[in-house]
Amino acid sequence: MAKRRATAGEPAKQVAIDVLREAGEPLHAKEIAKRVLDSGRARLGGKTPEQTITAMLAVGSKPGGPFKRVDKGTYTLADAGTGDTPTDKRESKPRTKATPKQRETAVT
């Protein structure tokens, strides 16, 4: 049987989103972690909650995630008016090479 964590409160990701929204500017991961922990809204178990939050920010900054990495260890919200939302991006068609038969017919 899996161990249950002794944590309570809101998800740290949601608290980090709120912290960045309130800040209105990009923050370093250590500052985000400090503010999340100081808020008392998310209680994280373990010996290194700062590293847990830093890892969450890194994973959350991948495409489709709520965070965007703007510099080494510095994050902002992905939807912070940068125009980098998935609906704004144009999809490009994958390029394929012409087959020898296609090249032959194109020449004639």
PDB file of N, CA and C in Angstrom:
ATOM      1  N   MET A   1       0.845  -1.176   0.000  1.00  0.00           N
ATOM      2  CA  MET A   1       0.000   0.000   0.000  1.00  0.00           C
ATOM      3  C   MET A   1       0.896   1.246   0.000  1.00  0.00           C
ATOM      4  N   ALA A   2       0.555   2.230  -0.812  1.00  0.00           N
ATOM      5  CA  ALA A   2       1.362   3.450  -0.936  1.00  0.00           C
ATOM      6  C   ALA A   2       1.207   4.320   0.304  1.00  0.00           C
ATOM      7  N   LYS A   3       2.301   4.997   0.638  1.00  0.00           N
ATOM      8  CA  LYS A   3       2.251   5.911   1.780  1.00  0.00           C
ATOM      9  C   LYS A   3       1.475   7.158   1.408  1.00  0.00           C
ATOM     10  N   ARG A   4       0.745   7.694   2.329  1.00  0.00           N
ATOM     11  CA  ARG A   4       0.024   8.940   2.109  1.00  0.00           C
ATOM     12  C   ARG A   4       0.879  10.075   2.624  1.00  0.00           C
ATOM     13  N   ARG A   5       0.937  11.136   1.839  1.00  0.00           N
ATOM     14  CA  ARG A   5       1.705  12.305   2.259  1.00  0.00           C
ATOM     15  C   ARG A   5       0.942  13.070   3.315  1.00  0.00           C
ATOM     16  N   ALA A   6       1.678  13.639   4.235  1.00  0.00           N
ATOM     17  CA  ALA A   6       1.065  14.447   5.288  1.00  0.00           C
ATOM     18  C   ALA A   6       1.028  15.903   4.839  1.00  0.00           C
ATOM     19  N   THR A   7       0.347  16.153   3.706  1.00  0.00           N
ATOM     20  CA  THR A   7       0.245  17.514   3.199  1.00  0.00           C
ATOM     21  C   THR A   7      -1.211  17.921   3.149  1.00  0.00           C
ATOM     22  N   ALA A   8      -1.439  19.197   3.241  1.00  0.00           N
ATOM     23  CA  ALA A   8      -2.789  19.719   3.173  1.00  0.00           C
ATOM     24  C   ALA A   8      -2.723  21.087   2.537  1.00  0.00           C
ATOM     25  N   GLY A   9      -3.877  21.587   2.141  1.00  0.00           N
ATOM     26  CA  GLY A   9      -3.906  22.909   1.539  1.00  0.00           C
ATOM     27  C   GLY A   9      -4.058  22.825   0.037  1.00  0.00           C
ATOM     28  N   GLU A  10      -3.816  23.960  -0.611  1.00  0.00           N
ATOM     29  CA  GLU A  10      -3.963  24.052  -2.056  1.00  0.00           C
ATOM     30  C   GLU A  10      -2.758  23.431  -2.757  1.00  0.00           C
ATOM     31  N   PRO A  11      -2.941  23.044  -4.018  1.00  0.00           N
ATOM     32  CA  PRO A  11      -1.789  22.547  -4.775  1.00  0.00           C
ATOM     33  C   PRO A  11      -0.736  23.653  -4.923  1.00  0.00           C
ATOM     34  N   ALA A  12       0.520  23.289  -4.784  1.00  0.00           N
ATOM     35  CA  ALA A  12       1.606  24.269  -4.866  1.00  0.00           C
ATOM     36  C   ALA A  12       1.611  24.963  -6.221  1.00  0.00           C
ATOM     37  N   LYS A  13       1.225  24.249  -7.272  1.00  0.00           N
ATOM     38  CA  LYS A  13       1.191  24.847  -8.602  1.00  0.00           C
ATOM     39  C   LYS A  13       0.220  26.021  -8.653  1.00  0.00           C
ATOM     40  N   GLN A  14      -0.965  25.854  -8.064  1.00  0.00           N
ATOM     41  CA  GLN A  14      -1.951  26.931  -8.061  1.00  0.00           C
ATOM     42  C   GLN A  14      -1.470  28.118  -7.236  1.00  0.00           C
ATOM     43  N   VAL A  15      -0.826  27.847  -6.122  1.00  0.00           N
ATOM     44  CA  VAL A  15      -0.297  28.929  -5.291  1.00  0.00           C
ATOM     45  C   VAL A  15       0.806  29.670  -6.051  1.00  0.00           C
ATOM     46  N   ALA A  16       1.660  28.940  -6.773  1.00  0.00           N
ATOM     47  CA  ALA A  16       2.722  29.570  -7.562  1.00  0.00           C
ATOM     48  C   ALA A  16       2.131  30.442  -8.672  1.00  0.00           C
ATOM     49  N   ILE A  17       1.063  29.985  -9.290  1.00  0.00           N
ATOM     50  CA  ILE A  17       0.381  30.785 -10.311  1.00  0.00           C
ATOM     51  C   ILE A  17      -0.122  32.083  -9.698  1.00  0.00           C
ATOM     52  N   ASP A  18      -0.743  31.973  -8.520  1.00  0.00           N
ATOM     53  CA  ASP A  18      -1.250  33.165  -7.830  1.00  0.00           C
ATOM     54  C   ASP A  18      -0.127  34.110  -7.440  1.00  0.00           C
ATOM     55  N   VAL A  19       1.009  33.554  -7.001  1.00  0.00           N
ATOM     56  CA  VAL A  19       2.172  34.373  -6.613  1.00  0.00           C
ATOM     57  C   VAL A  19       2.669  35.165  -7.822  1.00  0.00           C
ATOM     58  N   LEU A  20       2.815  34.507  -8.957  1.00  0.00           N
ATOM     59  CA  LEU A  20       3.290  35.196 -10.161  1.00  0.00           C
ATOM     60  C   LEU A  20       2.277  36.221 -10.665  1.00  0.00           C
ATOM     61  N   ARG A  21       1.005  35.896 -10.542  1.00  0.00           N
ATOM     62  CA  ARG A  21      -0.039  36.838 -10.969  1.00  0.00           C
ATOM     63  C   ARG A  21       0.009  38.099 -10.100  1.00  0.00           C
ATOM     64  N   GLU A  22       0.165  37.920  -8.791  1.00  0.00           N
ATOM     65  CA  GLU A  22       0.238  39.072  -7.882  1.00  0.00           C
ATOM     66  C   GLU A  22       1.507  39.890  -8.113  1.00  0.00           C
ATOM     67  N   ALA A  23       2.613  39.216  -8.429  1.00  0.00           N
ATOM     68  CA  ALA A  23       3.880  39.912  -8.643  1.00  0.00           C
ATOM     69  C   ALA A  23       3.826  40.770  -9.908  1.00  0.00           C
ATOM     70  N   GLY A  24       3.167  40.260 -10.931  1.00  0.00           N
ATOM     71  CA  GLY A  24       3.057  41.015 -12.166  1.00  0.00           C
ATOM     72  C   GLY A  24       4.348  41.105 -12.963  1.00  0.00           C
ATOM     73  N   GLU A  25       5.353  40.355 -12.567  1.00  0.00           N
ATOM     74  CA  GLU A  25       6.633  40.345 -13.264  1.00  0.00           C
ATOM     75  C   GLU A  25       7.290  38.989 -13.050  1.00  0.00           C
ATOM     76  N   PRO A  26       8.272  38.647 -13.890  1.00  0.00           N
ATOM     77  CA  PRO A  26       8.966  37.373 -13.693  1.00  0.00           C
ATOM     78  C   PRO A  26       9.709  37.345 -12.355  1.00  0.00           C
ATOM     79  N   LEU A  27       9.765  36.181 -11.744  1.00  0.00           N
ATOM     80  CA  LEU A  27      10.465  36.004 -10.477  1.00  0.00           C
ATOM     81  C   LEU A  27      11.401  34.803 -10.574  1.00  0.00           C
ATOM     82  N   HIS A  28      12.470  34.849  -9.782  1.00  0.00           N
ATOM     83  CA  HIS A  28      13.389  33.719  -9.705  1.00  0.00           C
ATOM     84  C   HIS A  28      12.701  32.589  -8.944  1.00  0.00           C
ATOM     85  N   ALA A  29      13.056  31.369  -9.301  1.00  0.00           N
ATOM     86  CA  ALA A  29      12.427  30.192  -8.689  1.00  0.00           C
ATOM     87  C   ALA A  29      12.539  30.202  -7.168  1.00  0.00           C
ATOM     88  N   LYS A  30      13.682  30.652  -6.642  1.00  0.00           N
ATOM     89  CA  LYS A  30      13.844  30.692  -5.185  1.00  0.00           C
ATOM     90  C   LYS A  30      12.867  31.678  -4.548  1.00  0.00           C
ATOM     91  N   GLU A  31      12.632  32.806  -5.224  1.00  0.00           N
ATOM     92  CA  GLU A  31      11.683  33.793  -4.695  1.00  0.00           C
ATOM     93  C   GLU A  31      10.258  33.268  -4.771  1.00  0.00           C
ATOM     94  N   ILE A  32       9.928  32.582  -5.855  1.00  0.00           N
ATOM     95  CA  ILE A  32       8.593  31.984  -5.969  1.00  0.00           C
ATOM     96  C   ILE A  32       8.401  30.964  -4.858  1.00  0.00           C
ATOM     97  N   ALA A  33       9.402  30.107  -4.647  1.00  0.00           N
ATOM     98  CA  ALA A  33       9.316  29.088  -3.596  1.00  0.00           C
ATOM     99  C   ALA A  33       9.153  29.743  -2.230  1.00  0.00           C
ATOM    100  N   LYS A  34       9.916  30.797  -1.974  1.00  0.00           N
ATOM    101  CA  LYS A  34       9.829  31.499  -0.685  1.00  0.00           C
ATOM    102  C   LYS A  34       8.421  32.045  -0.468  1.00  0.00           C
ATOM    103  N   ARG A  35       7.874  32.676  -1.496  1.00  0.00           N
ATOM    104  CA  ARG A  35       6.534  33.266  -1.367  1.00  0.00           C
ATOM    105  C   ARG A  35       5.449  32.201  -1.234  1.00  0.00           C
ATOM    106  N   VAL A  36       5.607  31.083  -1.941  1.00  0.00           N
ATOM    107  CA  VAL A  36       4.634  29.991  -1.822  1.00  0.00           C
ATOM    108  C   VAL A  36       4.650  29.438  -0.401  1.00  0.00           C
ATOM    109  N   LEU A  37       5.846  29.207   0.135  1.00  0.00           N
ATOM    110  CA  LEU A  37       5.954  28.655   1.489  1.00  0.00           C
ATOM    111  C   LEU A  37       5.496  29.660   2.542  1.00  0.00           C
ATOM    112  N   ASP A  38       5.847  30.951   2.339  1.00  0.00           N
ATOM    113  CA  ASP A  38       5.445  31.987   3.296  1.00  0.00           C
ATOM    114  C   ASP A  38       3.942  32.210   3.316  1.00  0.00           C
ATOM    115  N   SER A  39       3.275  31.926   2.196  1.00  0.00           N
ATOM    116  CA  SER A  39       1.830  32.143   2.133  1.00  0.00           C
ATOM    117  C   SER A  39       1.080  31.194   3.066  1.00  0.00           C
ATOM    118  N   GLY A  40       1.687  30.023   3.318  1.00  0.00           N
ATOM    119  CA  GLY A  40       1.033  29.045   4.181  1.00  0.00           C
ATOM    120  C   GLY A  40      -0.133  28.340   3.514  1.00  0.00           C
ATOM    121  N   ARG A  41      -0.395  28.646   2.262  1.00  0.00           N
ATOM    122  CA  ARG A  41      -1.523  28.033   1.555  1.00  0.00           C
ATOM    123  C   ARG A  41      -1.199  26.628   1.077  1.00  0.00           C
ATOM    124  N   ALA A  42       0.068  26.372   0.778  1.00  0.00           N
ATOM    125  CA  ALA A  42       0.479  25.039   0.326  1.00  0.00           C
ATOM    126  C   ALA A  42       1.514  24.513   1.308  1.00  0.00           C
ATOM    127  N   ARG A  43       1.200  23.415   1.928  1.00  0.00           N
ATOM    128  CA  ARG A  43       2.149  22.818   2.860  1.00  0.00           C
ATOM    129  C   ARG A  43       2.809  21.644   2.169  1.00  0.00           C
ATOM    130  N   LEU A  44       4.084  21.728   2.008  1.00  0.00           N
ATOM    131  CA  LEU A  44       4.814  20.662   1.330  1.00  0.00           C
ATOM    132  C   LEU A  44       5.594  19.852   2.342  1.00  0.00           C
ATOM    133  N   GLY A  45       5.492  18.542   2.237  1.00  0.00           N
ATOM    134  CA  GLY A  45       6.272  17.685   3.100  1.00  0.00           C
ATOM    135  C   GLY A  45       7.647  17.474   2.497  1.00  0.00           C
ATOM    136  N   GLY A  46       8.545  16.957   3.236  1.00  0.00           N
ATOM    137  CA  GLY A  46       9.875  16.662   2.717  1.00  0.00           C
ATOM    138  C   GLY A  46      10.921  17.625   3.226  1.00  0.00           C
ATOM    139  N   LYS A  47      12.175  17.290   2.929  1.00  0.00           N
ATOM    140  CA  LYS A  47      13.292  18.083   3.439  1.00  0.00           C
ATOM    141  C   LYS A  47      13.625  19.281   2.562  1.00  0.00           C
ATOM    142  N   THR A  48      13.245  19.233   1.287  1.00  0.00           N
ATOM    143  CA  THR A  48      13.635  20.301   0.365  1.00  0.00           C
ATOM    144  C   THR A  48      12.436  20.828  -0.425  1.00  0.00           C
ATOM    145  N   PRO A  49      11.521  21.522   0.236  1.00  0.00           N
ATOM    146  CA  PRO A  49      10.343  22.021  -0.480  1.00  0.00           C
ATOM    147  C   PRO A  49      10.705  23.030  -1.570  1.00  0.00           C
ATOM    148  N   GLU A  50      11.805  23.772  -1.391  1.00  0.00           N
ATOM    149  CA  GLU A  50      12.218  24.732  -2.416  1.00  0.00           C
ATOM    150  C   GLU A  50      12.574  24.002  -3.716  1.00  0.00           C
ATOM    151  N   GLN A  51      13.268  22.876  -3.589  1.00  0.00           N
ATOM    152  CA  GLN A  51      13.629  22.111  -4.774  1.00  0.00           C
ATOM    153  C   GLN A  51      12.401  21.478  -5.427  1.00  0.00           C
ATOM    154  N   THR A  52      11.424  21.110  -4.612  1.00  0.00           N
ATOM    155  CA  THR A  52      10.182  20.564  -5.143  1.00  0.00           C
ATOM    156  C   THR A  52       9.475  21.604  -5.995  1.00  0.00           C
ATOM    157  N   ILE A  53       9.409  22.831  -5.511  1.00  0.00           N
ATOM    158  CA  ILE A  53       8.747  23.909  -6.248  1.00  0.00           C
ATOM    159  C   ILE A  53       9.541  24.257  -7.504  1.00  0.00           C
ATOM    160  N   THR A  54      10.870  24.277  -7.402  1.00  0.00           N
ATOM    161  CA  THR A  54      11.707  24.569  -8.566  1.00  0.00           C
ATOM    162  C   THR A  54      11.495  23.514  -9.654  1.00  0.00           C
ATOM    163  N   ALA A  55      11.415  22.261  -9.275  1.00  0.00           N
ATOM    164  CA  ALA A  55      11.163  21.190 -10.239  1.00  0.00           C
ATOM    165  C   ALA A  55       9.780  21.331 -10.863  1.00  0.00           C
ATOM    166  N   MET A  56       8.791  21.710 -10.060  1.00  0.00           N
ATOM    167  CA  MET A  56       7.433  21.906 -10.567  1.00  0.00           C
ATOM    168  C   MET A  56       7.408  23.035 -11.596  1.00  0.00           C
ATOM    169  N   LEU A  57       8.170  24.105 -11.347  1.00  0.00           N
ATOM    170  CA  LEU A  57       8.240  25.221 -12.292  1.00  0.00           C
ATOM    171  C   LEU A  57       8.888  24.776 -13.610  1.00  0.00           C
ATOM    172  N   ALA A  58       9.947  23.982 -13.500  1.00  0.00           N
ATOM    173  CA  ALA A  58      10.643  23.512 -14.700  1.00  0.00           C
ATOM    174  C   ALA A  58       9.722  22.636 -15.550  1.00  0.00           C
ATOM    175  N   VAL A  59       9.024  21.721 -14.914  1.00  0.00           N
ATOM    176  CA  VAL A  59       8.111  20.840 -15.647  1.00  0.00           C
ATOM    177  C   VAL A  59       6.940  21.646 -16.198  1.00  0.00           C
ATOM    178  N   GLY A  60       6.451  22.606 -15.429  1.00  0.00           N
ATOM    179  CA  GLY A  60       5.318  23.424 -15.853  1.00  0.00           C
ATOM    180  C   GLY A  60       5.655  24.437 -16.918  1.00  0.00           C
ATOM    181  N   SER A  61       6.933  24.570 -17.262  1.00  0.00           N
ATOM    182  CA  SER A  61       7.309  25.530 -18.302  1.00  0.00           C
ATOM    183  C   SER A  61       7.415  24.882 -19.673  1.00  0.00           C
ATOM    184  N   LYS A  62       7.092  23.615 -19.759  1.00  0.00           N
ATOM    185  CA  LYS A  62       7.080  22.941 -21.060  1.00  0.00           C
ATOM    186  C   LYS A  62       5.854  23.410 -21.842  1.00  0.00           C
ATOM    187  N   PRO A  63       5.835  23.216 -23.169  1.00  0.00           N
ATOM    188  CA  PRO A  63       4.693  23.677 -23.976  1.00  0.00           C
ATOM    189  C   PRO A  63       3.360  23.204 -23.412  1.00  0.00           C
ATOM    190  N   GLY A  64       2.437  24.133 -23.290  1.00  0.00           N
ATOM    191  CA  GLY A  64       1.122  23.832 -22.744  1.00  0.00           C
ATOM    192  C   GLY A  64       1.035  23.990 -21.245  1.00  0.00           C
ATOM    193  N   GLY A  65       2.146  24.240 -20.586  1.00  0.00           N
ATOM    194  CA  GLY A  65       2.167  24.409 -19.135  1.00  0.00           C
ATOM    195  C   GLY A  65       1.827  25.840 -18.728  1.00  0.00           C
ATOM    196  N   PRO A  66       1.575  26.058 -17.445  1.00  0.00           N
ATOM    197  CA  PRO A  66       1.172  27.383 -16.978  1.00  0.00           C
ATOM    198  C   PRO A  66       2.322  28.372 -16.799  1.00  0.00           C
ATOM    199  N   PHE A  67       3.572  27.898 -16.856  1.00  0.00           N
ATOM    200  CA  PHE A  67       4.719  28.770 -16.618  1.00  0.00           C
ATOM    201  C   PHE A  67       5.560  28.911 -17.873  1.00  0.00           C
ATOM    202  N   LYS A  68       6.317  30.004 -17.929  1.00  0.00           N
ATOM    203  CA  LYS A  68       7.245  30.228 -19.032  1.00  0.00           C
ATOM    204  C   LYS A  68       8.585  30.636 -18.444  1.00  0.00           C
ATOM    205  N   ARG A  69       9.640  29.960 -18.861  1.00  0.00           N
ATOM    206  CA  ARG A  69      10.986  30.303 -18.404  1.00  0.00           C
ATOM    207  C   ARG A  69      11.492  31.467 -19.246  1.00  0.00           C
ATOM    208  N   VAL A  70      11.856  32.568 -18.582  1.00  0.00           N
ATOM    209  CA  VAL A  70      12.323  33.746 -19.310  1.00  0.00           C
ATOM    210  C   VAL A  70      13.825  33.936 -19.190  1.00  0.00           C
ATOM    211  N   ASP A  71      14.441  33.281 -18.226  1.00  0.00           N
ATOM    212  CA  ASP A  71      15.883  33.328 -18.025  1.00  0.00           C
ATOM    213  C   ASP A  71      16.236  32.131 -17.142  1.00  0.00           C
ATOM    214  N   LYS A  72      17.518  31.920 -16.926  1.00  0.00           N
ATOM    215  CA  LYS A  72      17.927  30.787 -16.098  1.00  0.00           C
ATOM    216  C   LYS A  72      17.323  30.928 -14.693  1.00  0.00           C
ATOM    217  N   GLY A  73      16.442  29.981 -14.342  1.00  0.00           N
ATOM    218  CA  GLY A  73      15.825  29.974 -13.020  1.00  0.00           C
ATOM    219  C   GLY A  73      14.770  31.037 -12.799  1.00  0.00           C
ATOM    220  N   THR A  74      14.359  31.749 -13.850  1.00  0.00           N
ATOM    221  CA  THR A  74      13.378  32.827 -13.729  1.00  0.00           C
ATOM    222  C   THR A  74      12.146  32.484 -14.554  1.00  0.00           C
ATOM    223  N   TYR A  75      10.982  32.625 -13.930  1.00  0.00           N
ATOM    224  CA  TYR A  75       9.736  32.206 -14.557  1.00  0.00           C
ATOM    225  C   TYR A  75       8.682  33.292 -14.490  1.00  0.00           C
ATOM    226  N   THR A  76       7.756  33.239 -15.435  1.00  0.00           N
ATOM    227  CA  THR A  76       6.579  34.085 -15.449  1.00  0.00           C
ATOM    228  C   THR A  76       5.409  33.204 -15.860  1.00  0.00           C
ATOM    229  N   LEU A  77       4.219  33.766 -15.918  1.00  0.00           N
ATOM    230  CA  LEU A  77       3.069  32.999 -16.371  1.00  0.00           C
ATOM    231  C   LEU A  77       3.102  32.885 -17.884  1.00  0.00           C
ATOM    232  N   ALA A  78       2.732  31.737 -18.387  1.00  0.00           N
ATOM    233  CA  ALA A  78       2.758  31.509 -19.834  1.00  0.00           C
ATOM    234  C   ALA A  78       1.772  32.422 -20.546  1.00  0.00           C
ATOM    235  N   ASP A  79       0.688  32.784 -19.895  1.00  0.00           N
ATOM    236  CA  ASP A  79      -0.327  33.631 -20.530  1.00  0.00           C
ATOM    237  C   ASP A  79      -0.198  35.091 -20.112  1.00  0.00           C
ATOM    238  N   ALA A  80       1.019  35.520 -19.787  1.00  0.00           N
ATOM    239  CA  ALA A  80       1.230  36.886 -19.284  1.00  0.00           C
ATOM    240  C   ALA A  80       1.316  37.907 -20.409  1.00  0.00           C
ATOM    241  N   GLY A  81       0.510  37.728 -21.451  1.00  0.00           N
ATOM    242  CA  GLY A  81       0.459  38.707 -22.520  1.00  0.00           C
ATOM    243  C   GLY A  81       1.626  38.647 -23.478  1.00  0.00           C
ATOM    244  N   THR A  82       2.288  37.505 -23.560  1.00  0.00           N
ATOM    245  CA  THR A  82       3.438  37.391 -24.447  1.00  0.00           C
ATOM    246  C   THR A  82       3.029  36.946 -25.836  1.00  0.00           C
ATOM    247  N   GLY A  83       1.776  36.526 -26.000  1.00  0.00           N
ATOM    248  CA  GLY A  83       1.333  36.044 -27.301  1.00  0.00           C
ATOM    249  C   GLY A  83       1.785  34.630 -27.588  1.00  0.00           C
ATOM    250  N   ASP A  84       2.304  33.937 -26.597  1.00  0.00           N
ATOM    251  CA  ASP A  84       2.802  32.590 -26.804  1.00  0.00           C
ATOM    252  C   ASP A  84       1.794  31.524 -26.393  1.00  0.00           C
ATOM    253  N   THR A  85       0.532  31.844 -26.464  1.00  0.00           N
ATOM    254  CA  THR A  85      -0.459  30.844 -26.127  1.00  0.00           C
ATOM    255  C   THR A  85      -0.614  29.904 -27.307  1.00  0.00           C
ATOM    256  N   PRO A  86      -0.972  28.659 -27.074  1.00  0.00           N
ATOM    257  CA  PRO A  86      -1.070  27.688 -28.160  1.00  0.00           C
ATOM    258  C   PRO A  86      -2.009  28.115 -29.283  1.00  0.00           C
ATOM    259  N   THR A  87      -3.055  28.900 -28.991  1.00  0.00           N
ATOM    260  CA  THR A  87      -3.987  29.306 -30.033  1.00  0.00           C
ATOM    261  C   THR A  87      -3.389  30.367 -30.942  1.00  0.00           C
ATOM    262  N   ASP A  88      -2.345  31.064 -30.500  1.00  0.00           N
ATOM    263  CA  ASP A  88      -1.718  32.098 -31.310  1.00  0.00           C
ATOM    264  C   ASP A  88      -0.687  31.553 -32.281  1.00  0.00           C
ATOM    265  N   LYS A  89      -0.218  30.360 -32.043  1.00  0.00           N
ATOM    266  CA  LYS A  89       0.839  29.803 -32.874  1.00  0.00           C
ATOM    267  C   LYS A  89       0.238  29.187 -34.131  1.00  0.00           C
ATOM    268  N   ARG A  90       0.886  29.451 -35.255  1.00  0.00           N
ATOM    269  CA  ARG A  90       0.465  28.834 -36.499  1.00  0.00           C
ATOM    270  C   ARG A  90       1.102  27.457 -36.598  1.00  0.00           C
ATOM    271  N   GLU A  91       0.316  26.517 -37.058  1.00  0.00           N
ATOM    272  CA  GLU A  91       0.849  25.172 -37.231  1.00  0.00           C
ATOM    273  C   GLU A  91       1.524  25.092 -38.592  1.00  0.00           C
ATOM    274  N   SER A  92       2.719  24.577 -38.615  1.00  0.00           N
ATOM    275  CA  SER A  92       3.417  24.423 -39.885  1.00  0.00           C
ATOM    276  C   SER A  92       3.285  22.980 -40.343  1.00  0.00           C
ATOM    277  N   LYS A  93       3.239  22.830 -41.660  1.00  0.00           N
ATOM    278  CA  LYS A  93       3.139  21.494 -42.222  1.00  0.00           C
ATOM    279  C   LYS A  93       4.517  20.858 -42.209  1.00  0.00           C
ATOM    280  N   PRO A  94       4.592  19.585 -41.917  1.00  0.00           N
ATOM    281  CA  PRO A  94       5.899  18.927 -41.948  1.00  0.00           C
ATOM    282  C   PRO A  94       6.404  18.869 -43.392  1.00  0.00           C
ATOM    283  N   ARG A  95       7.680  19.150 -43.569  1.00  0.00           N
ATOM    284  CA  ARG A  95       8.277  19.109 -44.900  1.00  0.00           C
ATOM    285  C   ARG A  95       8.657  17.674 -45.242  1.00  0.00           C
ATOM    286  N   THR A  96       8.397  17.317 -46.487  1.00  0.00           N
ATOM    287  CA  THR A  96       8.788  15.994 -46.950  1.00  0.00           C
ATOM    288  C   THR A  96       9.611  16.151 -48.214  1.00  0.00           C
ATOM    289  N   LYS A  97      10.514  15.246 -48.441  1.00  0.00           N
ATOM    290  CA  LYS A  97      11.330  15.272 -49.643  1.00  0.00           C
ATOM    291  C   LYS A  97      10.539  14.661 -50.797  1.00  0.00           C
ATOM    292  N   ALA A  98      10.772  15.200 -51.976  1.00  0.00           N
ATOM    293  CA  ALA A  98      10.126  14.654 -53.158  1.00  0.00           C
ATOM    294  C   ALA A  98      10.759  13.309 -53.497  1.00  0.00           C
ATOM    295  N   THR A  99       9.919  12.399 -53.915  1.00  0.00           N
ATOM    296  CA  THR A  99      10.421  11.088 -54.331  1.00  0.00           C
ATOM    297  C   THR A  99      11.063  11.222 -55.707  1.00  0.00           C
ATOM    298  N   PRO A 100      11.919  10.291 -56.088  1.00  0.00           N
ATOM    299  CA  PRO A 100      12.519  10.355 -57.429  1.00  0.00           C
ATOM    300  C   PRO A 100      11.470  10.460 -58.534  1.00  0.00           C
ATOM    301  N   LYS A 101      10.358   9.788 -58.378  1.00  0.00           N
ATOM    302  CA  LYS A 101       9.286   9.836 -59.386  1.00  0.00           C
ATOM    303  C   LYS A 101       8.704  11.247 -59.465  1.00  0.00           C
ATOM    304  N   GLN A 102       8.495  11.911 -58.318  1.00  0.00           N
ATOM    305  CA  GLN A 102       7.972  13.276 -58.303  1.00  0.00           C
ATOM    306  C   GLN A 102       8.955  14.240 -58.940  1.00  0.00           C
ATOM    307  N   ARG A 103      10.240  14.058 -58.673  1.00  0.00           N
ATOM    308  CA  ARG A 103      11.262  14.933 -59.267  1.00  0.00           C
ATOM    309  C   ARG A 103      11.304  14.746 -60.782  1.00  0.00           C
ATOM    310  N   GLU A 104      11.166  13.509 -61.215  1.00  0.00           N
ATOM    311  CA  GLU A 104      11.205  13.209 -62.649  1.00  0.00           C
ATOM    312  C   GLU A 104      10.050  13.879 -63.395  1.00  0.00           C
ATOM    313  N   THR A 105       8.847  13.821 -62.805  1.00  0.00           N
ATOM    314  CA  THR A 105       7.700  14.421 -63.473  1.00  0.00           C
ATOM    315  C   THR A 105       7.722  15.939 -63.391  1.00  0.00           C
ATOM    316  N   ALA A 106       8.355  16.502 -62.393  1.00  0.00           N
ATOM    317  CA  ALA A 106       8.438  17.954 -62.253  1.00  0.00           C
ATOM    318  C   ALA A 106       9.395  18.547 -63.272  1.00  0.00           C
ATOM    319  N   VAL A 107      10.409  17.794 -63.695  1.00  0.00           N
ATOM    320  CA  VAL A 107      11.404  18.269 -64.650  1.00  0.00           C
ATOM    321  C   VAL A 107      10.824  18.299 -66.055  1.00  0.00           C
ATOM    322  N   THR A 108      10.000  17.330 -66.395  1.00  0.00           N
ATOM    323  CA  THR A 108       9.478  17.236 -67.763  1.00  0.00           C
ATOM    324  C   THR A 108       8.307  18.101 -68.022  1.00  0.00           C
TER     325      THR A 108
END
